[in-house]
């Protein structure tokens, strides 16, 4: 019985880790969208060398945010694989991860200049 309790405890801790990473991932994606909206709102009135420097700053920040997003996705995948290896069922977590990933792809495509849906 101690083994079962330990596995349940590990499953709970791992699931909590996945949830925390998903929340962080969603937060980064929300921030990226907010920055993109701000960039579009300010771009028309913010020209010259200051505007160019501002654009470079936002582009660099977004590139770094994409790296962070990728690392978060990798950590989520690793935890998910750990749970699978231990035989822990978590279909709802997998669905949440896929939804978060799909949202990130949509946001990234929008930030990359995709005109889909416009």
Protein backbone atom coordinates (compact mmCIF):
# COMPACT_ATOMS: atom_id res chain seq x y z
CA UNK A 1 0.00 0.00 0.00
CA UNK A 2 2.85 2.39 0.69
CA UNK A 3 3.89 2.09 -2.94
CA UNK A 4 0.43 3.06 -4.15
CA UNK A 5 0.33 6.09 -1.85
CA UNK A 6 3.78 7.16 -3.01
CA UNK A 7 2.71 6.80 -6.64
CA UNK A 8 -0.44 8.84 -6.02
CA UNK A 9 1.63 11.49 -4.27
CA UNK A 10 4.10 11.55 -7.15
CA UNK A 11 1.25 11.70 -9.66
CA UNK A 12 -0.29 14.62 -7.79
CA UNK A 13 3.02 16.48 -7.57
CA UNK A 14 3.75 15.85 -11.24
CA UNK A 15 0.27 17.00 -12.25
CA UNK A 16 0.72 20.13 -10.14
CA UNK A 17 3.99 20.74 -12.00
CA UNK A 18 2.28 20.36 -15.36
CA UNK A 19 -0.48 22.76 -14.28
CA UNK A 20 2.04 25.34 -13.07
CA UNK A 21 3.99 25.10 -16.32
CA UNK A 22 0.80 25.43 -18.36
CA UNK A 23 -0.11 28.56 -16.41
CA UNK A 24 3.36 30.01 -16.99
CA UNK A 25 3.16 29.15 -20.68
CA UNK A 26 -0.26 30.80 -21.00
CA UNK A 27 1.06 33.87 -19.14
CA UNK A 28 3.98 34.22 -21.54
CA UNK A 29 1.67 33.89 -24.54
CA UNK A 30 -0.72 36.48 -23.11
CA UNK A 31 2.18 38.87 -22.52
CA UNK A 32 3.41 38.33 -26.07
CA UNK A 33 -0.02 39.20 -27.43
CA UNK A 34 -0.19 42.31 -25.22
CA UNK A 35 3.23 43.45 -26.47
CA UNK A 36 2.19 42.82 -30.07
CA UNK A 37 -0.97 44.90 -29.57
CA UNK A 38 1.06 47.71 -27.99
CA UNK A 39 3.57 47.57 -30.84
CA UNK A 40 0.81 47.99 -33.42
CA UNK A 41 -0.87 50.79 -31.44
CA UNK A 42 2.36 52.76 -31.08
CA UNK A 43 4.00 52.03 -34.42
CA UNK A 44 2.17 54.70 -36.37
CA UNK A 45 3.12 57.53 -34.02
CA UNK A 46 6.54 56.32 -32.94
CA UNK A 47 8.95 56.89 -35.81
CA UNK A 48 12.58 57.88 -36.32
CA UNK A 49 15.55 56.39 -34.54
CA UNK A 50 13.57 56.07 -31.29
CA UNK A 51 10.87 54.12 -33.11
CA UNK A 52 13.44 51.85 -34.73
CA UNK A 53 15.13 51.17 -31.40
CA UNK A 54 11.75 50.47 -29.82
CA UNK A 55 10.87 48.04 -32.63
CA UNK A 56 14.19 46.20 -32.17
CA UNK A 57 13.60 45.98 -28.43
CA UNK A 58 10.16 44.44 -28.91
CA UNK A 59 11.40 42.05 -31.59
CA UNK A 60 14.26 40.91 -29.35
CA UNK A 61 11.91 40.48 -26.39
CA UNK A 62 9.55 38.39 -28.51
CA UNK A 63 12.40 36.17 -29.74
CA UNK A 64 13.41 35.58 -26.12
CA UNK A 65 9.78 34.91 -25.15
CA UNK A 66 9.61 32.27 -27.90
CA UNK A 67 12.67 30.54 -26.43
CA UNK A 68 11.03 30.59 -22.99
CA UNK A 69 7.81 29.20 -24.49
CA UNK A 70 9.74 26.40 -26.16
CA UNK A 71 11.48 25.53 -22.91
CA UNK A 72 8.16 25.47 -21.06
CA UNK A 73 6.67 23.18 -23.75
CA UNK A 74 9.71 20.89 -23.40
CA UNK A 75 9.33 20.73 -19.62
CA UNK A 76 5.61 19.96 -19.96
CA UNK A 77 6.41 17.19 -22.43
CA UNK A 78 9.05 15.74 -20.10
CA UNK A 79 6.63 15.66 -17.17
CA UNK A 80 3.95 14.15 -19.38
CA UNK A 81 6.38 11.42 -20.50
CA UNK A 82 7.33 10.78 -16.86
CA UNK A 83 3.68 10.32 -15.97
CA UNK A 84 3.16 7.97 -18.93
CA UNK A 85 6.23 5.94 -17.95
CA UNK A 86 4.75 5.51 -14.49
CA UNK A 87 1.41 4.43 -15.93
CA UNK A 88 -0.44 7.46 -14.67
CA UNK A 89 -3.55 8.34 -16.63
CA UNK A 90 -3.92 12.00 -17.47
CA UNK A 91 -5.95 12.50 -20.61
CA UNK A 92 -7.34 15.82 -19.39
CA UNK A 93 -3.83 17.19 -18.83
CA UNK A 94 -2.82 16.08 -22.33
CA UNK A 95 -5.80 17.93 -23.77
CA UNK A 96 -4.89 21.06 -21.82
CA UNK A 97 -1.31 20.90 -23.04
CA UNK A 98 -2.44 20.49 -26.64
CA UNK A 99 -4.85 23.43 -26.32
CA UNK A 100 -2.10 25.61 -24.83
CA UNK A 101 0.28 24.55 -27.60
CA UNK A 102 -2.33 25.32 -30.28
CA UNK A 103 -2.93 28.77 -28.75
CA UNK A 104 0.81 29.45 -28.73
CA UNK A 105 1.11 28.48 -32.37
CA UNK A 106 -1.77 30.81 -33.29
CA UNK A 107 -0.17 33.67 -31.39
CA UNK A 108 3.26 32.96 -32.84
CA UNK A 109 1.84 32.88 -36.38
CA UNK A 110 0.13 36.22 -35.73
CA UNK A 111 3.36 37.68 -34.38
CA UNK A 112 5.30 36.28 -37.32
CA UNK A 113 3.07 38.25 -39.70
CA UNK A 114 0.57 35.65 -40.80
CA UNK A 115 -2.49 37.26 -42.36
CA UNK A 116 -4.75 34.29 -41.75
CA UNK A 117 -8.05 35.35 -40.31
CA UNK A 118 -7.63 39.02 -41.14
